[in-house]
C-alpha atoms as a PDB file:
ATOM      1  CA  MET A   1       5.942  -8.892   6.085  1.00  0.00           C
ATOM      2  CA  ALA A   2       2.729  -7.504   7.594  1.00  0.00           C
ATOM      3  CA  LEU A   3       0.732  -9.589   5.110  1.00  0.00           C
ATOM      4  CA  THR A   4       2.517 -12.829   5.977  1.00  0.00           C
ATOM      5  CA  GLY A   5       2.370 -12.181   9.701  1.00  0.00           C
ATOM      6  CA  ASP A   6       6.171 -12.308   9.987  1.00  0.00           C
ATOM      7  CA  ILE A   7       5.879  -8.990  11.805  1.00  0.00           C
ATOM      8  CA  PRO A   8       2.901  -8.682  14.128  1.00  0.00           C
ATOM      9  CA  ALA A   9       1.023  -5.665  12.818  1.00  0.00           C
ATOM     10  CA  CYS A  10      -2.440  -4.184  12.657  1.00  0.00           C
ATOM     11  CA  GLY A  11      -1.595  -2.000   9.690  1.00  0.00           C
ATOM     12  CA  PHE A  12       0.982  -1.033   7.125  1.00  0.00           C
ATOM     13  CA  VAL A  13       2.085   2.083   5.262  1.00  0.00           C
ATOM     14  CA  VAL A  14       3.899   1.652   1.986  1.00  0.00           C
ATOM     15  CA  VAL A  15       5.473   4.554   0.095  1.00  0.00           C
ATOM     16  CA  ALA A  16       6.226   4.186  -3.619  1.00  0.00           C
ATOM     17  CA  PRO A  17       6.333   0.399  -3.527  1.00  0.00           C
ATOM     18  CA  GLY A  18       8.330  -1.268  -6.242  1.00  0.00           C
ATOM     19  CA  GLY A  19      10.026  -4.579  -6.687  1.00  0.00           C
ATOM     20  CA  GLY A  20       9.499  -7.510  -8.978  1.00  0.00           C
ATOM     21  CA  MET A  21       5.870  -8.144  -8.053  1.00  0.00           C
ATOM     22  CA  ILE A  22       4.537  -4.609  -8.532  1.00  0.00           C
ATOM     23  CA  ASP A  23       4.133  -5.122 -12.286  1.00  0.00           C
ATOM     24  CA  GLU A  24       2.078  -8.254 -11.667  1.00  0.00           C
ATOM     25  CA  PRO A  25      -0.336  -7.524  -8.794  1.00  0.00           C
ATOM     26  CA  GLU A  26      -1.979 -10.938  -9.208  1.00  0.00           C
ATOM     27  CA  LYS A  27       1.178 -12.444  -7.657  1.00  0.00           C
ATOM     28  CA  TRP A  28       0.138 -10.793  -4.386  1.00  0.00           C
ATOM     29  CA  GLN A  29      -3.010 -12.933  -4.163  1.00  0.00           C
ATOM     30  CA  SER A  30      -1.465 -15.757  -2.117  1.00  0.00           C
ATOM     31  CA  LEU A  31      -0.094 -13.255   0.425  1.00  0.00           C
ATOM     32  CA  ILE A  32      -3.440 -11.489   0.549  1.00  0.00           C
ATOM     33  CA  ASP A  33      -5.208 -14.819   1.084  1.00  0.00           C
ATOM     34  CA  GLU A  34      -2.813 -15.603   3.949  1.00  0.00           C
ATOM     35  CA  SER A  35      -3.561 -12.342   5.732  1.00  0.00           C
ATOM     36  CA  LYS A  36      -7.361 -12.203   5.399  1.00  0.00           C
ATOM     37  CA  ASN A  37      -7.952 -12.947   9.077  1.00  0.00           C
ATOM     38  CA  HIS A  38      -5.182 -10.771  10.512  1.00  0.00           C
ATOM     39  CA  GLU A  39      -7.420  -7.690  10.795  1.00  0.00           C
ATOM     40  CA  LEU A  40      -4.955  -5.535   8.873  1.00  0.00           C
ATOM     41  CA  ARG A  41      -5.523  -2.237   7.174  1.00  0.00           C
ATOM     42  CA  GLY A  42      -3.115  -0.442   4.908  1.00  0.00           C
ATOM     43  CA  MET A  43      -2.166   2.759   3.194  1.00  0.00           C
ATOM     44  CA  ILE A  44      -0.220   3.044  -0.046  1.00  0.00           C
ATOM     45  CA  ILE A  45       1.260   6.435  -0.931  1.00  0.00           C
ATOM     46  CA  ARG A  46       2.563   7.445  -4.342  1.00  0.00           C
ATOM     47  CA  GLY A  47       3.765  10.794  -5.674  1.00  0.00           C
ATOM     48  CA  THR A  48       1.820  12.122  -8.661  1.00  0.00           C
ATOM     49  CA  GLU A  49       5.113  12.651 -10.495  1.00  0.00           C
ATOM     50  CA  ASP A  50       6.528   9.198  -9.709  1.00  0.00           C
ATOM     51  CA  LEU A  51       7.415   7.698 -13.079  1.00  0.00           C
ATOM     52  CA  ALA A  52       9.040   4.603 -11.554  1.00  0.00           C
ATOM     53  CA  ILE A  53       5.852   3.132 -10.082  1.00  0.00           C
ATOM     54  CA  PRO A  54       2.888   2.583 -12.417  1.00  0.00           C
ATOM     55  CA  ARG A  55      -0.252   4.140 -10.923  1.00  0.00           C
ATOM     56  CA  ASP A  56      -2.556   1.565 -12.503  1.00  0.00           C
ATOM     57  CA  LYS A  57      -0.633  -1.339 -10.925  1.00  0.00           C
ATOM     58  CA  LEU A  58      -0.908   0.229  -7.469  1.00  0.00           C
ATOM     59  CA  HIS A  59      -4.576   0.869  -8.074  1.00  0.00           C
ATOM     60  CA  ASP A  60      -5.008  -2.827  -8.965  1.00  0.00           C
ATOM     61  CA  LEU A  61      -3.205  -3.876  -5.772  1.00  0.00           C
ATOM     62  CA  VAL A  62      -5.312  -1.582  -3.592  1.00  0.00           C
ATOM     63  CA  LYS A  63      -8.465  -2.919  -5.230  1.00  0.00           C
ATOM     64  CA  MET A  64      -7.331  -6.515  -4.597  1.00  0.00           C
ATOM     65  CA  LEU A  65      -6.661  -5.758  -0.934  1.00  0.00           C
ATOM     66  CA  ASN A  66     -10.026  -4.042  -0.462  1.00  0.00           C
ATOM     67  CA  ASN A  67     -11.914  -6.775  -2.307  1.00  0.00           C
ATOM     68  CA  ASN A  68     -10.323  -9.392  -0.063  1.00  0.00           C
ATOM     69  CA  GLY A  69     -11.228  -7.820   3.262  1.00  0.00           C
ATOM     70  CA  ILE A  70      -8.045  -5.836   3.885  1.00  0.00           C
ATOM     71  CA  PRO A  71      -9.072  -2.171   3.923  1.00  0.00           C
ATOM     72  CA  CYS A  72      -6.480  -0.170   2.029  1.00  0.00           C
ATOM     73  CA  LYS A  73      -6.352   3.519   1.236  1.00  0.00           C
ATOM     74  CA  PHE A  74      -4.508   4.895  -1.809  1.00  0.00           C
ATOM     75  CA  LEU A  75      -3.099   8.402  -1.508  1.00  0.00           C
ATOM     76  CA  GLU A  76      -1.344  10.383  -4.199  1.00  0.00           C
ATOM     77  CA  TYR A  77       0.930  13.131  -3.021  1.00  0.00           C
ATOM     78  CA  PRO A  78       0.858  16.132  -5.406  1.00  0.00           C
ATOM     79  CA  GLY A  79       4.084  17.068  -7.171  1.00  0.00           C
ATOM     80  CA  LEU A  80       6.159  14.315  -5.573  1.00  0.00           C
ATOM     81  CA  GLY A  81       8.406  11.991  -7.553  1.00  0.00           C
ATOM     82  CA  HIS A  82       9.836   8.706  -6.310  1.00  0.00           C
ATOM     83  CA  TRP A  83      10.525  10.030  -2.803  1.00  0.00           C
ATOM     84  CA  TYR A  84       9.055   9.960   0.677  1.00  0.00           C
ATOM     85  CA  PRO A  85       6.722  12.893   1.348  1.00  0.00           C
ATOM     86  CA  PRO A  86       8.401  15.412   3.659  1.00  0.00           C
ATOM     87  CA  ASP A  87       5.374  15.303   5.977  1.00  0.00           C
ATOM     88  CA  LEU A  88       4.879  11.530   5.943  1.00  0.00           C
ATOM     89  CA  VAL A  89       4.277  11.272   9.685  1.00  0.00           C
ATOM     90  CA  ASP A  90       1.619  14.004   9.507  1.00  0.00           C
ATOM     91  CA  ILE A  91      -0.080  12.286   6.560  1.00  0.00           C
ATOM     92  CA  VAL A  92      -0.331   8.999   8.407  1.00  0.00           C
ATOM     93  CA  THR A  93      -1.267  10.353  11.832  1.00  0.00           C
ATOM     94  CA  SER A  94      -3.852  12.828  10.545  1.00  0.00           C
ATOM     95  CA  SER A  95      -5.525  10.371   8.191  1.00  0.00           C
ATOM     96  CA  ASN A  96      -7.809   8.858  10.859  1.00  0.00           C
ATOM     97  CA  TRP A  97      -7.175   5.572   9.065  1.00  0.00           C
ATOM     98  CA  PHE A  98      -5.253   3.731  11.790  1.00  0.00           C
END
């Protein structure tokens, strides 16, 4: 929703993103194209033990965002499966990214 502008935002944080499009990052291109001038930046967080979300697909998505003018940071949380990190707020606020 941040990419489409449906929600006014200057950034987004996504934890362990899944869904039908995650296996085909190229399907994100139209949304990325739509948001190029929104001055967004993003952060995608994945646990190192998350078997539900393919690391390479997230890496592809982050690369697409960065290559299209939407700065995006990819963080892997050590030892975490498909869960939210217990210190999510600290991760985001201490990152100096937003």
